[in-house]
Amino acid sequence: MNAAPAPARNDKSAVVDAAMRVLSENGLPGLSMRRIADELDVQVSALYWHFPNKQALLAAVSARIVGDADATSGSEGIAAADAEVVAARLRDRLLAHRDGAEIVSSSLALGLLSLPAHADLARAGRELGLDDAAAEIAADTVVHYVIGYTFHEQQRLYAAVVGAADASVDLAPGQIDERGGSFDAGLRMIVAGVRATAAVS
């Protein structure tokens, strides 16, 4: 009797696809290597053919989340006025995935993720007249604002879903704002500060 052929080995993309499904169903706390392996019907050790550790896999998931966070990424230039658009699109990408802000924040903190939106924001800062160092600071500031704001939104929304908090009671203005009103107001303040800095530099 001939043995059944071995199943085809999953590639990196398939592993990330499986991780995205596990993230959607279980959130970041449930995004374990065991669950991802079970999703692919392989042994956990098979995942390490593609990723040396869990942090590397989470970085690949983060890259999938931010994806083309801004459609103009990689262009020769971006109008300075579009900085708010870049930031809003990044927030949309994070909100589209359960615990998106937390997982992306972790990968950024470990230096494992290159964020397309950051490059666009730095380019916008240079177009305003900032030098390279100041443009990088401006981009960092906007990125941290977007991720931090979105992280709080997602934590609050999840708490409301599981009954740990009432999303309609005792929330600071804009804590959960489907229209993004408070987010937009804060972002405008930051961009105004960047413009004012560029004007006197």
C-alpha atoms as a PDB file:
ATOM      1  CA  MET A   1       0.000   0.000   0.000  1.00  0.00           C
ATOM      2  CA  ASN A   2       1.479   3.339  -1.050  1.00  0.00           C
ATOM      3  CA  ALA A   3       1.755   6.115   1.519  1.00  0.00           C
ATOM      4  CA  ALA A   4      -0.308   9.221   0.945  1.00  0.00           C
ATOM      5  CA  PRO A   5       1.693  12.055  -0.589  1.00  0.00           C
ATOM      6  CA  ALA A   6       2.937  14.654   1.840  1.00  0.00           C
ATOM      7  CA  PRO A   7       0.921  17.875   1.738  1.00  0.00           C
ATOM      8  CA  ALA A   8       2.533  20.798  -0.020  1.00  0.00           C
ATOM      9  CA  ARG A   9       4.527  23.001   2.322  1.00  0.00           C
ATOM     10  CA  ASN A  10       2.883  26.346   3.012  1.00  0.00           C
ATOM     11  CA  ASP A  11       4.768  29.417   1.898  1.00  0.00           C
ATOM     12  CA  LYS A  12       5.253  32.601   3.931  1.00  0.00           C
ATOM     13  CA  SER A  13       2.160  34.217   2.477  1.00  0.00           C
ATOM     14  CA  ALA A  14       0.001  31.268   3.481  1.00  0.00           C
ATOM     15  CA  VAL A  15       1.328  31.420   7.036  1.00  0.00           C
ATOM     16  CA  VAL A  16       0.537  35.136   7.244  1.00  0.00           C
ATOM     17  CA  ASP A  17      -2.919  34.478   5.766  1.00  0.00           C
ATOM     18  CA  ALA A  18      -3.546  31.939   8.527  1.00  0.00           C
ATOM     19  CA  ALA A  19      -2.245  34.326  11.173  1.00  0.00           C
ATOM     20  CA  MET A  20      -4.613  37.016   9.913  1.00  0.00           C
ATOM     21  CA  ARG A  21      -7.554  34.627  10.249  1.00  0.00           C
ATOM     22  CA  VAL A  22      -6.527  33.678  13.789  1.00  0.00           C
ATOM     23  CA  LEU A  23      -6.097  37.358  14.665  1.00  0.00           C
ATOM     24  CA  SER A  24      -9.573  38.144  13.356  1.00  0.00           C
ATOM     25  CA  GLU A  25     -11.137  35.340  15.378  1.00  0.00           C
ATOM     26  CA  ASN A  26      -9.114  35.497  18.598  1.00  0.00           C
ATOM     27  CA  GLY A  27      -7.397  38.874  18.777  1.00  0.00           C
ATOM     28  CA  LEU A  28      -3.749  39.429  19.594  1.00  0.00           C
ATOM     29  CA  PRO A  29      -3.851  37.536  22.953  1.00  0.00           C
ATOM     30  CA  GLY A  30      -5.020  34.436  21.070  1.00  0.00           C
ATOM     31  CA  LEU A  31      -2.572  34.751  18.204  1.00  0.00           C
ATOM     32  CA  SER A  32      -0.382  31.826  19.216  1.00  0.00           C
ATOM     33  CA  MET A  33       1.929  29.758  17.055  1.00  0.00           C
ATOM     34  CA  ARG A  34      -0.102  26.687  18.036  1.00  0.00           C
ATOM     35  CA  ARG A  35      -3.349  28.204  16.759  1.00  0.00           C
ATOM     36  CA  ILE A  36      -1.711  29.306  13.522  1.00  0.00           C
ATOM     37  CA  ALA A  37      -0.269  25.828  13.018  1.00  0.00           C
ATOM     38  CA  ASP A  38      -3.674  24.278  13.721  1.00  0.00           C
ATOM     39  CA  GLU A  39      -5.232  26.612  11.162  1.00  0.00           C
ATOM     40  CA  LEU A  40      -2.773  25.261   8.577  1.00  0.00           C
ATOM     41  CA  ASP A  41      -2.992  21.669   9.859  1.00  0.00           C
ATOM     42  CA  VAL A  42       0.770  21.482  10.391  1.00  0.00           C
ATOM     43  CA  GLN A  43       3.142  21.074  13.310  1.00  0.00           C
ATOM     44  CA  VAL A  44       4.287  24.252  15.041  1.00  0.00           C
ATOM     45  CA  SER A  45       7.847  23.485  13.968  1.00  0.00           C
ATOM     46  CA  ALA A  46       6.772  23.903  10.323  1.00  0.00           C
ATOM     47  CA  LEU A  47       6.177  27.612  10.920  1.00  0.00           C
ATOM     48  CA  TYR A  48       9.832  28.112  11.777  1.00  0.00           C
ATOM     49  CA  TRP A  49      10.819  27.195   8.232  1.00  0.00           C
ATOM     50  CA  HIS A  50       9.514  30.634   7.298  1.00  0.00           C
ATOM     51  CA  PHE A  51       9.849  32.736  10.451  1.00  0.00           C
ATOM     52  CA  PRO A  52      12.691  32.416  12.994  1.00  0.00           C
ATOM     53  CA  ASN A  53      10.465  33.482  15.883  1.00  0.00           C
ATOM     54  CA  LYS A  54       7.011  34.778  16.722  1.00  0.00           C
ATOM     55  CA  GLN A  55       8.152  38.402  16.639  1.00  0.00           C
ATOM     56  CA  ALA A  56       9.174  38.006  12.995  1.00  0.00           C
ATOM     57  CA  LEU A  57       5.778  36.515  12.166  1.00  0.00           C
ATOM     58  CA  LEU A  58       3.984  39.331  13.984  1.00  0.00           C
ATOM     59  CA  ALA A  59       6.050  41.819  12.001  1.00  0.00           C
ATOM     60  CA  ALA A  60       4.847  40.177   8.778  1.00  0.00           C
ATOM     61  CA  VAL A  61       1.275  40.391  10.061  1.00  0.00           C
ATOM     62  CA  SER A  62       1.843  44.067  10.899  1.00  0.00           C
ATOM     63  CA  ALA A  63       3.143  44.702   7.393  1.00  0.00           C
ATOM     64  CA  ARG A  64       0.011  43.064   5.988  1.00  0.00           C
ATOM     65  CA  ILE A  65      -2.165  45.270   8.220  1.00  0.00           C
ATOM     66  CA  VAL A  66      -0.597  48.565   7.180  1.00  0.00           C
ATOM     67  CA  GLY A  67      -0.187  47.371   3.592  1.00  0.00           C
ATOM     68  CA  ASP A  68      -0.706  50.267   1.226  1.00  0.00           C
ATOM     69  CA  ALA A  69      -1.749  52.503   4.104  1.00  0.00           C
ATOM     70  CA  ASP A  70      -1.425  55.416   1.770  1.00  0.00           C
ATOM     71  CA  ALA A  71      -1.949  54.965  -1.944  1.00  0.00           C
ATOM     72  CA  THR A  72       0.651  57.610  -2.706  1.00  0.00           C
ATOM     73  CA  SER A  73       3.429  55.778  -0.873  1.00  0.00           C
ATOM     74  CA  GLY A  74       6.513  55.493  -3.005  1.00  0.00           C
ATOM     75  CA  SER A  75       5.591  58.476  -5.161  1.00  0.00           C
ATOM     76  CA  GLU A  76       8.203  61.100  -5.975  1.00  0.00           C
ATOM     77  CA  GLY A  77       6.435  63.594  -3.779  1.00  0.00           C
ATOM     78  CA  ILE A  78       3.304  64.164  -1.788  1.00  0.00           C
ATOM     79  CA  ALA A  79       1.580  67.474  -1.255  1.00  0.00           C
ATOM     80  CA  ALA A  80       2.051  68.728   2.288  1.00  0.00           C
ATOM     81  CA  ALA A  81      -1.699  69.163   2.584  1.00  0.00           C
ATOM     82  CA  ASP A  82      -2.074  65.417   2.140  1.00  0.00           C
ATOM     83  CA  ALA A  83      -0.413  64.620   5.473  1.00  0.00           C
ATOM     84  CA  GLU A  84      -3.843  64.472   7.093  1.00  0.00           C
ATOM     85  CA  VAL A  85      -5.018  62.069   4.385  1.00  0.00           C
ATOM     86  CA  VAL A  86      -2.027  59.792   4.978  1.00  0.00           C
ATOM     87  CA  ALA A  87      -2.721  59.737   8.715  1.00  0.00           C
ATOM     88  CA  ALA A  88      -6.434  59.054   8.250  1.00  0.00           C
ATOM     89  CA  ARG A  89      -5.735  56.170   5.870  1.00  0.00           C
ATOM     90  CA  LEU A  90      -3.293  54.642   8.340  1.00  0.00           C
ATOM     91  CA  ARG A  91      -5.958  54.819  11.045  1.00  0.00           C
ATOM     92  CA  ASP A  92      -8.461  53.164   8.716  1.00  0.00           C
ATOM     93  CA  ARG A  93      -6.038  50.292   8.083  1.00  0.00           C
ATOM     94  CA  LEU A  94      -5.495  49.784  11.802  1.00  0.00           C
ATOM     95  CA  LEU A  95      -9.220  49.898  12.566  1.00  0.00           C
ATOM     96  CA  ALA A  96      -9.913  47.328   9.833  1.00  0.00           C
ATOM     97  CA  HIS A  97      -8.144  44.622  11.860  1.00  0.00           C
ATOM     98  CA  ARG A  98      -8.805  43.446  15.375  1.00  0.00           C
ATOM     99  CA  ASP A  99      -6.064  44.764  17.684  1.00  0.00           C
ATOM    100  CA  GLY A 100      -4.430  46.297  14.621  1.00  0.00           C
ATOM    101  CA  ALA A 101      -2.957  49.276  16.462  1.00  0.00           C
ATOM    102  CA  GLU A 102      -1.474  47.155  19.252  1.00  0.00           C
ATOM    103  CA  ILE A 103       0.219  44.639  16.982  1.00  0.00           C
ATOM    104  CA  VAL A 104       1.622  47.331  14.669  1.00  0.00           C
ATOM    105  CA  SER A 105       2.835  49.352  17.661  1.00  0.00           C
ATOM    106  CA  SER A 106       4.704  46.329  18.993  1.00  0.00           C
ATOM    107  CA  SER A 107       6.447  45.655  15.680  1.00  0.00           C
ATOM    108  CA  LEU A 108       7.408  49.323  15.338  1.00  0.00           C
ATOM    109  CA  ALA A 109       8.797  49.433  18.872  1.00  0.00           C
ATOM    110  CA  LEU A 110      11.036  46.454  18.105  1.00  0.00           C
ATOM    111  CA  GLY A 111      12.271  48.022  14.877  1.00  0.00           C
ATOM    112  CA  LEU A 112      10.788  45.207  12.800  1.00  0.00           C
ATOM    113  CA  LEU A 113       8.419  47.218  10.633  1.00  0.00           C
ATOM    114  CA  SER A 114       8.915  49.826   7.952  1.00  0.00           C
ATOM    115  CA  LEU A 115       5.770  51.940   7.827  1.00  0.00           C
ATOM    116  CA  PRO A 116       4.848  53.295   4.369  1.00  0.00           C
ATOM    117  CA  ALA A 117       2.852  56.148   5.912  1.00  0.00           C
ATOM    118  CA  HIS A 118       5.890  57.310   7.884  1.00  0.00           C
ATOM    119  CA  ALA A 119       7.904  57.817   4.704  1.00  0.00           C
ATOM    120  CA  ASP A 120       5.065  59.814   3.151  1.00  0.00           C
ATOM    121  CA  LEU A 121       4.654  61.963   6.260  1.00  0.00           C
ATOM    122  CA  ALA A 122       8.376  62.714   6.400  1.00  0.00           C
ATOM    123  CA  ARG A 123       8.281  63.646   2.723  1.00  0.00           C
ATOM    124  CA  ALA A 124       5.375  65.991   3.403  1.00  0.00           C
ATOM    125  CA  GLY A 125       7.361  67.622   6.194  1.00  0.00           C
ATOM    126  CA  ARG A 126      10.295  68.223   3.891  1.00  0.00           C
ATOM    127  CA  GLU A 127       7.965  69.765   1.313  1.00  0.00           C
ATOM    128  CA  LEU A 128       6.823  72.180   3.995  1.00  0.00           C
ATOM    129  CA  GLY A 129      10.431  73.262   4.457  1.00  0.00           C
ATOM    130  CA  LEU A 130      11.573  71.153   7.412  1.00  0.00           C
ATOM    131  CA  ASP A 131      15.080  69.742   7.370  1.00  0.00           C
ATOM    132  CA  ASP A 132      15.479  65.966   7.364  1.00  0.00           C
ATOM    133  CA  ALA A 133      15.755  65.609  11.143  1.00  0.00           C
ATOM    134  CA  ALA A 134      12.706  67.782  11.820  1.00  0.00           C
ATOM    135  CA  ALA A 135      10.686  66.010   9.117  1.00  0.00           C
ATOM    136  CA  GLU A 136      11.423  62.664  10.770  1.00  0.00           C
ATOM    137  CA  ILE A 137      10.319  64.025  14.143  1.00  0.00           C
ATOM    138  CA  ALA A 138       7.095  65.336  12.606  1.00  0.00           C
ATOM    139  CA  ALA A 139       6.400  61.968  10.970  1.00  0.00           C
ATOM    140  CA  ASP A 140       7.107  60.131  14.239  1.00  0.00           C
ATOM    141  CA  THR A 141       4.746  62.448  16.101  1.00  0.00           C
ATOM    142  CA  VAL A 142       1.868  61.918  13.673  1.00  0.00           C
ATOM    143  CA  VAL A 143       2.400  58.135  13.562  1.00  0.00           C
ATOM    144  CA  HIS A 144       2.462  57.876  17.365  1.00  0.00           C
ATOM    145  CA  TYR A 145      -0.687  59.974  17.594  1.00  0.00           C
ATOM    146  CA  VAL A 146      -2.523  57.792  15.066  1.00  0.00           C
ATOM    147  CA  ILE A 147      -1.467  54.516  16.651  1.00  0.00           C
ATOM    148  CA  GLY A 148      -2.104  55.698  20.209  1.00  0.00           C
ATOM    149  CA  TYR A 149      -5.525  57.118  19.424  1.00  0.00           C
ATOM    150  CA  THR A 150      -6.539  54.019  17.503  1.00  0.00           C
ATOM    151  CA  PHE A 151      -5.209  51.684  20.201  1.00  0.00           C
ATOM    152  CA  HIS A 152      -7.457  53.365  22.773  1.00  0.00           C
ATOM    153  CA  GLU A 153     -10.420  53.182  20.404  1.00  0.00           C
ATOM    154  CA  GLN A 154      -9.941  49.466  19.821  1.00  0.00           C
ATOM    155  CA  GLN A 155      -9.397  48.698  23.508  1.00  0.00           C
ATOM    156  CA  ARG A 156     -12.577  50.562  24.417  1.00  0.00           C
ATOM    157  CA  LEU A 157     -14.584  48.924  21.652  1.00  0.00           C
ATOM    158  CA  TYR A 158     -13.412  45.455  22.685  1.00  0.00           C
ATOM    159  CA  ALA A 159     -14.207  46.173  26.337  1.00  0.00           C
ATOM    160  CA  ALA A 160     -17.727  47.176  25.314  1.00  0.00           C
ATOM    161  CA  VAL A 161     -18.150  44.017  23.207  1.00  0.00           C
ATOM    162  CA  VAL A 162     -17.205  41.700  26.095  1.00  0.00           C
ATOM    163  CA  GLY A 163     -19.255  43.688  28.592  1.00  0.00           C
ATOM    164  CA  ALA A 164     -16.290  45.088  30.512  1.00  0.00           C
ATOM    165  CA  ALA A 165     -17.296  48.674  29.730  1.00  0.00           C
ATOM    166  CA  ASP A 166     -20.278  50.556  28.437  1.00  0.00           C
ATOM    167  CA  ALA A 167     -19.214  52.343  25.293  1.00  0.00           C
ATOM    168  CA  SER A 168     -21.972  54.913  25.749  1.00  0.00           C
ATOM    169  CA  VAL A 169     -21.222  55.958  29.331  1.00  0.00           C
ATOM    170  CA  ASP A 170     -18.440  57.961  30.951  1.00  0.00           C
ATOM    171  CA  LEU A 171     -16.277  58.231  27.862  1.00  0.00           C
ATOM    172  CA  ALA A 172     -14.095  61.217  27.182  1.00  0.00           C
ATOM    173  CA  PRO A 173     -15.209  63.165  24.102  1.00  0.00           C
ATOM    174  CA  GLY A 174     -14.061  61.330  21.023  1.00  0.00           C
ATOM    175  CA  GLN A 175     -12.988  58.173  22.884  1.00  0.00           C
ATOM    176  CA  ILE A 176     -15.108  56.238  20.441  1.00  0.00           C
ATOM    177  CA  ASP A 177     -16.076  58.336  17.472  1.00  0.00           C
ATOM    178  CA  GLU A 178     -17.094  56.505  14.321  1.00  0.00           C
ATOM    179  CA  ARG A 179     -16.922  59.767  12.385  1.00  0.00           C
ATOM    180  CA  GLY A 180     -13.411  60.431  13.633  1.00  0.00           C
ATOM    181  CA  GLY A 181     -14.333  63.976  14.686  1.00  0.00           C
ATOM    182  CA  SER A 182     -12.029  64.199  17.713  1.00  0.00           C
ATOM    183  CA  PHE A 183      -9.311  62.310  15.869  1.00  0.00           C
ATOM    184  CA  ASP A 184      -9.463  64.820  13.036  1.00  0.00           C
ATOM    185  CA  ALA A 185      -9.390  67.770  15.425  1.00  0.00           C
ATOM    186  CA  GLY A 186      -6.302  66.467  17.197  1.00  0.00           C
ATOM    187  CA  LEU A 187      -4.611  65.691  13.908  1.00  0.00           C
ATOM    188  CA  ARG A 188      -5.281  69.207  12.626  1.00  0.00           C
ATOM    189  CA  MET A 189      -3.635  70.622  15.753  1.00  0.00           C
ATOM    190  CA  ILE A 190      -0.526  68.520  15.192  1.00  0.00           C
ATOM    191  CA  VAL A 191      -0.307  69.437  11.512  1.00  0.00           C
ATOM    192  CA  ALA A 192      -0.793  73.101  12.383  1.00  0.00           C
ATOM    193  CA  GLY A 193       2.119  72.837  14.788  1.00  0.00           C
ATOM    194  CA  VAL A 194       4.283  71.241  12.110  1.00  0.00           C
ATOM    195  CA  ARG A 195       3.391  74.030   9.680  1.00  0.00           C
ATOM    196  CA  ALA A 196       4.169  76.696  12.281  1.00  0.00           C
ATOM    197  CA  THR A 197       7.540  75.075  12.976  1.00  0.00           C
ATOM    198  CA  ALA A 198       8.331  74.973   9.261  1.00  0.00           C
ATOM    199  CA  ALA A 199       7.364  78.631   8.881  1.00  0.00           C
ATOM    200  CA  VAL A 200       9.966  79.786  11.411  1.00  0.00           C
ATOM    201  CA  SER A 201      12.712  77.312  10.519  1.00  0.00           C
END
